[in-house]
Protein backbone atom coordinates (compact mmCIF):
# COMPACT_ATOMS: atom_id res chain seq x y z
CA MET A 1 5.11 -14.39 -1.20
CA ALA A 2 6.97 -15.41 -4.33
CA ASP A 3 10.08 -15.02 -5.28
CA SER A 4 11.71 -11.57 -6.35
CA GLU A 5 12.30 -12.96 -9.72
CA SER A 6 8.57 -13.41 -10.33
CA THR A 7 8.19 -10.00 -8.91
CA PRO A 8 7.62 -6.77 -11.00
CA SER A 9 10.51 -4.29 -10.93
CA LEU A 10 9.18 -1.21 -9.40
CA PRO A 11 9.63 1.79 -11.17
CA ALA A 12 11.43 4.37 -9.49
CA PRO A 13 10.56 6.44 -6.69
CA VAL A 14 9.45 10.41 -7.60
CA PRO A 15 10.06 12.65 -4.79
CA LEU A 16 7.21 15.00 -4.04
CA SER A 17 9.71 17.69 -4.14
CA SER A 18 9.90 17.21 -7.93
CA VAL A 19 6.56 16.96 -8.69
CA LEU A 20 6.03 20.27 -6.95
CA SER A 21 8.75 21.94 -8.75
CA LEU A 22 7.92 20.73 -11.86
CA SER A 23 4.16 21.92 -11.16
CA LEU A 24 5.24 25.49 -10.27
CA SER A 25 8.12 25.88 -13.25
CA LEU A 26 5.01 24.69 -15.68
CA SER A 27 2.62 27.60 -13.39
CA PHE A 28 5.51 30.04 -13.92
CA THR A 29 5.94 29.05 -17.29
CA LEU A 30 2.75 29.35 -18.27
CA CYS A 31 2.01 32.44 -16.46
CA GLY A 32 5.24 34.10 -18.41
CA LEU A 33 3.39 32.86 -21.85
CA TRP A 34 0.11 34.28 -20.94
CA THR A 35 2.15 37.72 -20.68
CA ARG A 36 4.51 37.64 -23.43
CA LEU A 37 1.00 36.32 -25.60
CA ILE A 38 -0.97 39.69 -24.66
CA CYS A 39 2.05 41.71 -25.21
CA MET A 40 2.76 40.34 -28.89
CA ARG A 41 -1.34 40.99 -29.20
CA LYS A 42 -0.35 44.87 -28.20
CA GLU A 43 3.05 45.11 -30.66
CA ASN A 44 3.95 43.55 -34.21
CA ILE A 45 5.00 39.76 -34.05
CA THR A 46 8.31 39.38 -35.24
CA PRO A 47 9.87 36.14 -36.23
CA GLU A 48 12.07 36.21 -33.75
CA LEU A 49 8.90 36.37 -30.92
CA ASN A 50 7.39 33.68 -32.94
CA GLU A 51 10.51 31.09 -32.71
CA SER A 52 10.86 32.24 -29.01
CA ARG A 53 7.29 31.01 -28.86
CA SER A 54 7.26 27.85 -30.33
CA GLU A 55 10.35 27.50 -28.18
CA LEU A 56 8.20 28.11 -24.68
CA LEU A 57 5.30 26.22 -26.43
CA THR A 58 7.98 23.18 -27.27
CA ARG A 59 9.19 23.45 -22.99
CA ILE A 60 5.38 23.65 -21.74
CA GLN A 61 4.80 20.31 -24.13
CA SER A 62 7.88 18.42 -22.74
CA LEU A 63 7.47 20.00 -19.06
CA LYS A 64 3.36 18.25 -18.76
CA GLN A 65 4.91 14.84 -20.63
CA ASP A 66 7.40 14.62 -17.65
CA LEU A 67 4.76 15.35 -15.26
CA GLN A 68 2.34 12.65 -16.74
CA GLY A 69 5.18 9.97 -16.53
CA TRP A 70 5.80 10.84 -13.36
CA ARG A 71 2.16 10.73 -12.17
CA SER A 72 2.03 7.46 -13.97
CA LYS A 73 4.30 5.91 -12.45
CA LEU A 74 3.53 7.20 -8.97
CA ASP A 75 0.10 5.45 -10.08
CA THR A 76 1.75 2.01 -10.80
CA GLN A 77 3.86 2.36 -7.40
CA VAL A 78 0.51 2.82 -5.37
CA LYS A 79 -1.49 0.38 -7.37
CA ILE A 80 1.72 -2.67 -6.66
CA TYR A 81 1.92 -1.38 -2.80
CA LYS A 82 -2.21 -1.42 -2.97
CA ASP A 83 -1.79 -5.22 -4.37
CA GLU A 84 0.75 -6.30 -2.19
CA LEU A 85 -1.07 -5.29 1.14
CA SER A 86 -4.00 -7.06 0.07
CA GLU A 87 -2.09 -9.85 -0.57
CA LEU A 88 -0.52 -9.73 2.68
CA LYS A 89 -4.12 -9.30 4.21
CA LYS A 90 -5.23 -11.74 2.58
CA SER A 91 -2.09 -14.21 3.50
CA LEU A 92 -2.49 -13.32 7.50
CA ASN A 93 -6.07 -13.57 7.50
CA VAL A 94 -5.65 -17.10 6.51
CA GLU A 95 -2.70 -17.16 8.87
CA VAL A 96 -5.23 -16.42 12.23
CA GLU A 97 -7.86 -18.34 11.40
CA GLN A 98 -5.58 -21.42 11.00
CA LEU A 99 -4.21 -20.02 14.53
CA ARG A 100 -7.73 -19.91 16.18
CA SER A 101 -8.54 -23.36 14.55
CA GLU A 102 -5.18 -25.07 15.81
CA PHE A 103 -6.24 -22.79 19.29
CA GLN A 104 -9.66 -24.57 19.69
CA GLU A 105 -8.55 -28.26 19.45
CA LEU A 106 -5.76 -27.65 21.47
CA ARG A 107 -8.63 -26.49 24.11
CA THR A 108 -11.11 -29.49 22.81
CA THR A 109 -7.72 -31.78 23.59
CA LEU A 110 -7.44 -30.23 27.08
CA GLN A 111 -11.01 -30.06 28.27
CA GLN A 112 -10.89 -33.99 27.04
CA GLN A 113 -7.53 -34.91 28.98
CA GLN A 114 -9.25 -32.89 32.57
CA GLU A 115 -12.26 -35.12 32.02
CA ASP A 116 -10.39 -38.02 31.95
CA VAL A 117 -8.07 -37.40 34.65
CA THR A 118 -11.22 -36.74 36.60
CA SER A 119 -12.59 -39.88 35.48
CA SER A 120 -10.31 -42.00 36.65
CA LEU A 121 -9.72 -40.26 39.87
CA ARG A 122 -13.17 -41.33 40.36
CA ASN A 123 -12.52 -44.45 39.74
CA LEU A 124 -10.02 -44.54 42.35
CA GLY A 125 -11.72 -43.09 44.56
CA LEU A 126 -10.04 -39.77 44.41
CA GLN A 127 -13.70 -37.54 44.51
CA ASP A 128 -12.41 -34.89 46.68
CA VAL A 129 -10.00 -34.16 43.74
CA SER A 130 -12.04 -34.28 40.97
CA GLY A 131 -13.99 -31.25 42.32
CA ASP A 132 -10.41 -28.92 42.21
CA THR A 133 -9.99 -30.69 39.17
CA LYS A 134 -13.78 -29.60 37.31
CA ASP A 135 -12.56 -26.03 39.06
CA ASN A 136 -9.27 -25.72 36.76
CA VAL A 137 -11.30 -26.55 33.57
CA ILE A 138 -10.46 -23.96 30.80
CA LYS A 139 -13.14 -22.32 29.21
C-alpha cells in the first residue's frame, strides 16, 4: 500500500444516529411548518408570523444543507473504502497467483528429484526400493 502521506485524509465519520436525528428533526419541522401555513391562511398574516415563517424556512434550509453535507461525506467515505477494498483484492489475487506458481515449481522440482533418486537407485541395482519411491511421488 502507499504511504499514509499519499493517501487522502478521510472525512470524519458521521454517526447514523445523527443522520436519523437530523432527518427526524427535519420531518417534525416540515410538519410544524405545514400546520402553521394552514393556520396562517385562515387568519390574517401578521408581520410577526411572516418573520417566524422566514426563520423556520431558514432553519429548514440549513438543516437540508447539513443533511446534504453529511450524505456527501458518507458517499465519499463509502467510495474510499470501496476503492481500498478493490486495491486489496487485486493485491491479494496477485499474491495468490504468485504462490500457486511457486508451489507448482516446487512440485515439479520435487518430482524431478524423486525421478532422479529412482534412476540412481536403479543404476545401483536397488530396483526394489525404486518401486516404493515411485509410490511416494507427489501428485
